[in-house]
PDB file of all heavy atoms in Angstrom:
ATOM      1  N   GLN A   1     -22.328  56.254  -4.004  1.00  0.00           N
ATOM      2  CA  GLN A   1     -22.145  54.809  -3.897  1.00  0.00           C
ATOM      3  C   GLN A   1     -21.065  54.434  -2.895  1.00  0.00           C
ATOM      4  O   GLN A   1     -21.199  53.479  -2.126  1.00  0.00           O
ATOM      5  CB  GLN A   1     -21.790  54.210  -5.262  1.00  0.00           C
ATOM      6  CG  GLN A   1     -21.631  52.698  -5.253  1.00  0.00           C
ATOM      7  CD  GLN A   1     -22.923  51.984  -4.894  1.00  0.00           C
ATOM      8  OE1 GLN A   1     -23.934  52.171  -5.554  1.00  0.00           O
ATOM      9  NE2 GLN A   1     -22.885  51.168  -3.847  1.00  0.00           N
ATOM     10  N   VAL A   2     -19.977  55.181  -2.856  1.00  0.00           N
ATOM     11  CA  VAL A   2     -18.900  54.856  -1.935  1.00  0.00           C
ATOM     12  C   VAL A   2     -19.369  54.985  -0.483  1.00  0.00           C
ATOM     13  O   VAL A   2     -18.947  54.229   0.398  1.00  0.00           O
ATOM     14  CB  VAL A   2     -17.652  55.717  -2.204  1.00  0.00           C
ATOM     15  CG1 VAL A   2     -17.916  57.182  -1.927  1.00  0.00           C
ATOM     16  CG2 VAL A   2     -16.449  55.214  -1.427  1.00  0.00           C
ATOM     17  N   ILE A   3     -20.274  55.929  -0.215  1.00  0.00           N
ATOM     18  CA  ILE A   3     -20.830  56.077   1.133  1.00  0.00           C
ATOM     19  C   ILE A   3     -21.687  54.861   1.475  1.00  0.00           C
ATOM     20  O   ILE A   3     -21.648  54.349   2.603  1.00  0.00           O
ATOM     21  CB  ILE A   3     -21.647  57.379   1.247  1.00  0.00           C
ATOM     22  CG1 ILE A   3     -20.725  58.589   1.107  1.00  0.00           C
ATOM     23  CG2 ILE A   3     -22.406  57.441   2.564  1.00  0.00           C
ATOM     24  CD1 ILE A   3     -21.451  59.924   1.098  1.00  0.00           C
ATOM     25  N   VAL A   4     -22.450  54.392   0.504  1.00  0.00           N
ATOM     26  CA  VAL A   4     -23.257  53.191   0.705  1.00  0.00           C
ATOM     27  C   VAL A   4     -22.357  52.021   1.076  1.00  0.00           C
ATOM     28  O   VAL A   4     -22.633  51.271   2.019  1.00  0.00           O
ATOM     29  CB  VAL A   4     -24.061  52.843  -0.571  1.00  0.00           C
ATOM     30  CG1 VAL A   4     -24.908  51.593  -0.342  1.00  0.00           C
ATOM     31  CG2 VAL A   4     -24.949  54.002  -0.990  1.00  0.00           C
ATOM     32  N   ASN A   5     -21.258  51.880   0.345  1.00  0.00           N
ATOM     33  CA  ASN A   5     -20.345  50.770   0.602  1.00  0.00           C
ATOM     34  C   ASN A   5     -19.782  50.820   2.018  1.00  0.00           C
ATOM     35  O   ASN A   5     -19.710  49.800   2.711  1.00  0.00           O
ATOM     36  CB  ASN A   5     -19.195  50.795  -0.405  1.00  0.00           C
ATOM     37  CG  ASN A   5     -19.655  50.506  -1.817  1.00  0.00           C
ATOM     38  OD1 ASN A   5     -20.783  50.087  -2.038  1.00  0.00           O
ATOM     39  ND2 ASN A   5     -18.782  50.738  -2.775  1.00  0.00           N
ATOM     40  N   VAL A   6     -19.362  52.016   2.438  1.00  0.00           N
ATOM     41  CA  VAL A   6     -18.796  52.156   3.778  1.00  0.00           C
ATOM     42  C   VAL A   6     -19.861  51.907   4.841  1.00  0.00           C
ATOM     43  O   VAL A   6     -19.616  51.231   5.843  1.00  0.00           O
ATOM     44  CB  VAL A   6     -18.160  53.548   3.963  1.00  0.00           C
ATOM     45  CG1 VAL A   6     -17.700  53.741   5.403  1.00  0.00           C
ATOM     46  CG2 VAL A   6     -16.969  53.705   3.019  1.00  0.00           C
ATOM     47  N   ALA A   7     -21.055  52.461   4.640  1.00  0.00           N
ATOM     48  CA  ALA A   7     -22.144  52.260   5.601  1.00  0.00           C
ATOM     49  C   ALA A   7     -22.489  50.782   5.736  1.00  0.00           C
ATOM     50  O   ALA A   7     -22.688  50.277   6.851  1.00  0.00           O
ATOM     51  CB  ALA A   7     -23.377  53.059   5.181  1.00  0.00           C
ATOM     52  N   GLU A   8     -22.546  50.087   4.624  1.00  0.00           N
ATOM     53  CA  GLU A   8     -22.805  48.644   4.660  1.00  0.00           C
ATOM     54  C   GLU A   8     -21.682  47.919   5.396  1.00  0.00           C
ATOM     55  O   GLU A   8     -21.932  46.995   6.178  1.00  0.00           O
ATOM     56  CB  GLU A   8     -22.922  48.088   3.240  1.00  0.00           C
ATOM     57  CG  GLU A   8     -24.211  48.430   2.539  1.00  0.00           C
ATOM     58  CD  GLU A   8     -24.309  47.785   1.177  1.00  0.00           C
ATOM     59  OE1 GLU A   8     -23.259  47.621   0.503  1.00  0.00           O
ATOM     60  OE2 GLU A   8     -25.422  47.428   0.776  1.00  0.00           O
ATOM     61  N   GLY A   9     -20.452  48.361   5.137  1.00  0.00           N
ATOM     62  CA  GLY A   9     -19.310  47.743   5.809  1.00  0.00           C
ATOM     63  C   GLY A   9     -19.344  47.951   7.308  1.00  0.00           C
ATOM     64  O   GLY A   9     -18.759  47.160   8.055  1.00  0.00           O
ATOM     65  N   GLU A  10     -20.025  49.006   7.760  1.00  0.00           N
ATOM     66  CA  GLU A  10     -20.166  49.275   9.188  1.00  0.00           C
ATOM     67  C   GLU A  10     -21.512  48.771   9.722  1.00  0.00           C
ATOM     68  O   GLU A  10     -21.996  49.213  10.761  1.00  0.00           O
ATOM     69  CB  GLU A  10     -19.988  50.775   9.443  1.00  0.00           C
ATOM     70  CG  GLU A  10     -18.588  51.254   9.094  1.00  0.00           C
ATOM     71  CD  GLU A  10     -18.340  52.717   9.458  1.00  0.00           C
ATOM     72  OE1 GLU A  10     -19.203  53.342  10.119  1.00  0.00           O
ATOM     73  OE2 GLU A  10     -17.264  53.228   9.089  1.00  0.00           O
ATOM     74  N   LYS A  11     -22.120  47.857   8.947  1.00  0.00           N
ATOM     75  CA  LYS A  11     -23.322  47.124   9.363  1.00  0.00           C
ATOM     76  C   LYS A  11     -24.590  47.963   9.421  1.00  0.00           C
ATOM     77  O   LYS A  11     -25.549  47.593  10.101  1.00  0.00           O
ATOM     78  CB  LYS A  11     -23.099  46.438  10.728  1.00  0.00           C
ATOM     79  CG  LYS A  11     -21.838  45.589  10.818  1.00  0.00           C
ATOM     80  CD  LYS A  11     -21.798  44.519   9.744  1.00  0.00           C
ATOM     81  CE  LYS A  11     -20.534  43.652   9.859  1.00  0.00           C
ATOM     82  NZ  LYS A  11     -20.431  42.668   8.751  1.00  0.00           N
ATOM     83  N   ALA A  12     -24.632  49.080   8.722  1.00  0.00           N
ATOM     84  CA  ALA A  12     -25.868  49.853   8.648  1.00  0.00           C
ATOM     85  C   ALA A  12     -26.790  49.176   7.627  1.00  0.00           C
ATOM     86  O   ALA A  12     -26.338  48.789   6.541  1.00  0.00           O
ATOM     87  CB  ALA A  12     -25.585  51.283   8.220  1.00  0.00           C
ATOM     88  N   PRO A  13     -28.076  49.002   7.950  1.00  0.00           N
ATOM     89  CA  PRO A  13     -29.010  48.327   7.036  1.00  0.00           C
ATOM     90  C   PRO A  13     -29.483  49.279   5.942  1.00  0.00           C
ATOM     91  O   PRO A  13     -30.589  49.824   6.003  1.00  0.00           O
ATOM     92  CB  PRO A  13     -30.154  47.914   7.962  1.00  0.00           C
ATOM     93  CG  PRO A  13     -30.177  48.984   9.014  1.00  0.00           C
ATOM     94  CD  PRO A  13     -28.732  49.375   9.225  1.00  0.00           C
ATOM     95  N   VAL A  14     -28.632  49.522   4.942  1.00  0.00           N
ATOM     96  CA  VAL A  14     -28.968  50.482   3.896  1.00  0.00           C
ATOM     97  C   VAL A  14     -28.891  49.861   2.508  1.00  0.00           C
ATOM     98  O   VAL A  14     -28.174  48.884   2.278  1.00  0.00           O
ATOM     99  CB  VAL A  14     -28.035  51.715   3.947  1.00  0.00           C
ATOM    100  CG1 VAL A  14     -28.182  52.448   5.269  1.00  0.00           C
ATOM    101  CG2 VAL A  14     -26.583  51.314   3.697  1.00  0.00           C
ATOM    102  N   GLN A  15     -29.627  50.455   1.605  1.00  0.00           N
ATOM    103  CA  GLN A  15     -29.532  50.157   0.182  1.00  0.00           C
ATOM    104  C   GLN A  15     -29.633  51.479  -0.559  1.00  0.00           C
ATOM    105  O   GLN A  15     -30.028  52.501   0.017  1.00  0.00           O
ATOM    106  CB  GLN A  15     -30.646  49.207  -0.275  1.00  0.00           C
ATOM    107  CG  GLN A  15     -30.472  47.773   0.183  1.00  0.00           C
ATOM    108  CD  GLN A  15     -31.509  46.845  -0.430  1.00  0.00           C
ATOM    109  OE1 GLN A  15     -32.246  47.220  -1.341  1.00  0.00           O
ATOM    110  NE2 GLN A  15     -31.578  45.622   0.079  1.00  0.00           N
ATOM    111  N   ALA A  16     -29.297  51.450  -1.836  1.00  0.00           N
ATOM    112  CA  ALA A  16     -29.367  52.673  -2.642  1.00  0.00           C
ATOM    113  C   ALA A  16     -29.770  52.329  -4.062  1.00  0.00           C
ATOM    114  O   ALA A  16     -29.574  51.200  -4.527  1.00  0.00           O
ATOM    115  CB  ALA A  16     -28.023  53.393  -2.636  1.00  0.00           C
ATOM    116  N   THR A  17     -30.329  53.318  -4.739  1.00  0.00           N
ATOM    117  CA  THR A  17     -30.740  53.116  -6.120  1.00  0.00           C
ATOM    118  C   THR A  17     -30.653  54.429  -6.891  1.00  0.00           C
ATOM    119  O   THR A  17     -30.587  55.514  -6.296  1.00  0.00           O
ATOM    120  CB  THR A  17     -32.192  52.592  -6.180  1.00  0.00           C
ATOM    121  OG1 THR A  17     -32.496  52.177  -7.510  1.00  0.00           O
ATOM    122  CG2 THR A  17     -33.193  53.666  -5.765  1.00  0.00           C
ATOM    123  N   LEU A  18     -30.611  54.307  -8.208  1.00  0.00           N
ATOM    124  CA  LEU A  18     -30.757  55.461  -9.080  1.00  0.00           C
ATOM    125  C   LEU A  18     -32.249  55.574  -9.385  1.00  0.00           C
ATOM    126  O   LEU A  18     -32.799  54.722 -10.084  1.00  0.00           O
ATOM    127  CB  LEU A  18     -29.965  55.274 -10.374  1.00  0.00           C
ATOM    128  CG  LEU A  18     -30.050  56.412 -11.394  1.00  0.00           C
ATOM    129  CD1 LEU A  18     -29.328  57.640 -10.888  1.00  0.00           C
ATOM    130  CD2 LEU A  18     -29.489  55.986 -12.737  1.00  0.00           C
ATOM    131  N   PRO A  19     -32.936  56.567  -8.839  1.00  0.00           N
ATOM    132  CA  PRO A  19     -34.389  56.662  -8.999  1.00  0.00           C
ATOM    133  C   PRO A  19     -34.839  56.777 -10.457  1.00  0.00           C
ATOM    134  O   PRO A  19     -34.059  57.154 -11.342  1.00  0.00           O
ATOM    135  CB  PRO A  19     -34.750  57.920  -8.203  1.00  0.00           C
ATOM    136  CG  PRO A  19     -33.679  58.005  -7.169  1.00  0.00           C
ATOM    137  CD  PRO A  19     -32.428  57.581  -7.907  1.00  0.00           C
ATOM    138  N   LYS A  20     -36.092  56.478 -10.686  1.00  0.00           N
ATOM    139  CA  LYS A  20     -36.628  56.430 -12.044  1.00  0.00           C
ATOM    140  C   LYS A  20     -36.597  57.776 -12.743  1.00  0.00           C
ATOM    141  O   LYS A  20     -36.575  57.837 -13.985  1.00  0.00           O
ATOM    142  CB  LYS A  20     -38.050  55.884 -12.027  1.00  0.00           C
ATOM    143  CG  LYS A  20     -39.045  56.691 -11.215  1.00  0.00           C
ATOM    144  CD  LYS A  20     -40.394  55.997 -11.148  1.00  0.00           C
ATOM    145  CE  LYS A  20     -41.419  56.780 -10.334  1.00  0.00           C
ATOM    146  NZ  LYS A  20     -42.698  56.045 -10.218  1.00  0.00           N
ATOM    147  N   GLU A  21     -36.561  58.879 -11.973  1.00  0.00           N
ATOM    148  CA  GLU A  21     -36.496  60.200 -12.599  1.00  0.00           C
ATOM    149  C   GLU A  21     -35.101  60.561 -13.097  1.00  0.00           C
ATOM    150  O   GLU A  21     -34.924  61.545 -13.806  1.00  0.00           O
ATOM    151  CB  GLU A  21     -36.928  61.290 -11.599  1.00  0.00           C
ATOM    152  CG  GLU A  21     -38.348  61.165 -11.095  1.00  0.00           C
ATOM    153  CD  GLU A  21     -38.439  60.318  -9.835  1.00  0.00           C
ATOM    154  OE1 GLU A  21     -37.390  59.803  -9.372  1.00  0.00           O
ATOM    155  OE2 GLU A  21     -39.562  60.167  -9.315  1.00  0.00           O
ATOM    156  N   GLY A  22     -34.099  59.751 -12.724  1.00  0.00           N
ATOM    157  CA  GLY A  22     -32.718  60.088 -13.023  1.00  0.00           C
ATOM    158  C   GLY A  22     -32.078  60.785 -11.840  1.00  0.00           C
ATOM    159  O   GLY A  22     -32.672  60.860 -10.755  1.00  0.00           O
ATOM    160  N   ALA A  23     -30.880  61.302 -12.012  1.00  0.00           N
ATOM    161  CA  ALA A  23     -30.162  61.916 -10.895  1.00  0.00           C
ATOM    162  C   ALA A  23     -29.069  62.836 -11.424  1.00  0.00           C
ATOM    163  O   ALA A  23     -28.742  62.836 -12.615  1.00  0.00           O
ATOM    164  CB  ALA A  23     -29.543  60.839 -10.001  1.00  0.00           C
ATOM    165  N   THR A  24     -28.499  63.613 -10.524  1.00  0.00           N
ATOM    166  CA  THR A  24     -27.300  64.371 -10.854  1.00  0.00           C
ATOM    167  C   THR A  24     -26.094  63.452 -10.654  1.00  0.00           C
ATOM    168  O   THR A  24     -26.213  62.350 -10.117  1.00  0.00           O
ATOM    169  CB  THR A  24     -27.167  65.622  -9.976  1.00  0.00           C
ATOM    170  OG1 THR A  24     -27.159  65.230  -8.595  1.00  0.00           O
ATOM    171  CG2 THR A  24     -28.320  66.580 -10.233  1.00  0.00           C
ATOM    172  N   GLY A  25     -24.936  63.913 -11.065  1.00  0.00           N
ATOM    173  CA  GLY A  25     -23.725  63.106 -10.919  1.00  0.00           C
ATOM    174  C   GLY A  25     -22.502  63.927 -11.268  1.00  0.00           C
ATOM    175  O   GLY A  25     -22.581  65.142 -11.426  1.00  0.00           O
ATOM    176  N   TRP A  26     -21.359  63.265 -11.404  1.00  0.00           N
ATOM    177  CA  TRP A  26     -20.114  63.984 -11.657  1.00  0.00           C
ATOM    178  C   TRP A  26     -19.166  63.174 -12.536  1.00  0.00           C
ATOM    179  O   TRP A  26     -19.217  61.953 -12.575  1.00  0.00           O
ATOM    180  CB  TRP A  26     -19.423  64.338 -10.339  1.00  0.00           C
ATOM    181  CG  TRP A  26     -19.351  63.195  -9.368  1.00  0.00           C
ATOM    182  CD1 TRP A  26     -20.257  62.902  -8.393  1.00  0.00           C
ATOM    183  CD2 TRP A  26     -18.368  62.164  -9.316  1.00  0.00           C
ATOM    184  NE1 TRP A  26     -19.882  61.759  -7.723  1.00  0.00           N
ATOM    185  CE2 TRP A  26     -18.731  61.288  -8.259  1.00  0.00           C
ATOM    186  CE3 TRP A  26     -17.209  61.900 -10.035  1.00  0.00           C
ATOM    187  CZ2 TRP A  26     -17.987  60.162  -7.928  1.00  0.00           C
ATOM    188  CZ3 TRP A  26     -16.451  60.777  -9.710  1.00  0.00           C
ATOM    189  CH2 TRP A  26     -16.855  59.931  -8.658  1.00  0.00           C
ATOM    190  N   SER A  27     -18.328  63.905 -13.269  1.00  0.00           N
ATOM    191  CA  SER A  27     -17.277  63.307 -14.085  1.00  0.00           C
ATOM    192  C   SER A  27     -16.116  64.293 -14.139  1.00  0.00           C
ATOM    193  O   SER A  27     -16.323  65.483 -14.360  1.00  0.00           O
ATOM    194  CB  SER A  27     -17.777  63.024 -15.499  1.00  0.00           C
ATOM    195  OG  SER A  27     -16.726  62.546 -16.322  1.00  0.00           O
ATOM    196  N   ASP A  28     -14.911  63.807 -13.911  1.00  0.00           N
ATOM    197  CA  ASP A  28     -13.724  64.660 -13.898  1.00  0.00           C
ATOM    198  C   ASP A  28     -12.894  64.456 -15.168  1.00  0.00           C
ATOM    199  O   ASP A  28     -12.934  63.395 -15.791  1.00  0.00           O
ATOM    200  CB  ASP A  28     -12.862  64.364 -12.671  1.00  0.00           C
ATOM    201  CG  ASP A  28     -13.568  64.734 -11.377  1.00  0.00           C
ATOM    202  OD1 ASP A  28     -14.496  65.562 -11.431  1.00  0.00           O
ATOM    203  OD2 ASP A  28     -13.209  64.192 -10.314  1.00  0.00           O
TER     204      ASP A  28
END
């Protein structure tokens, strides 16, 4: 998500989603 935010901030026409199958992720 943070990459999406930066890319959008640099005017890249991007969007992102959590796909219907689910996804991997992280927690510290």
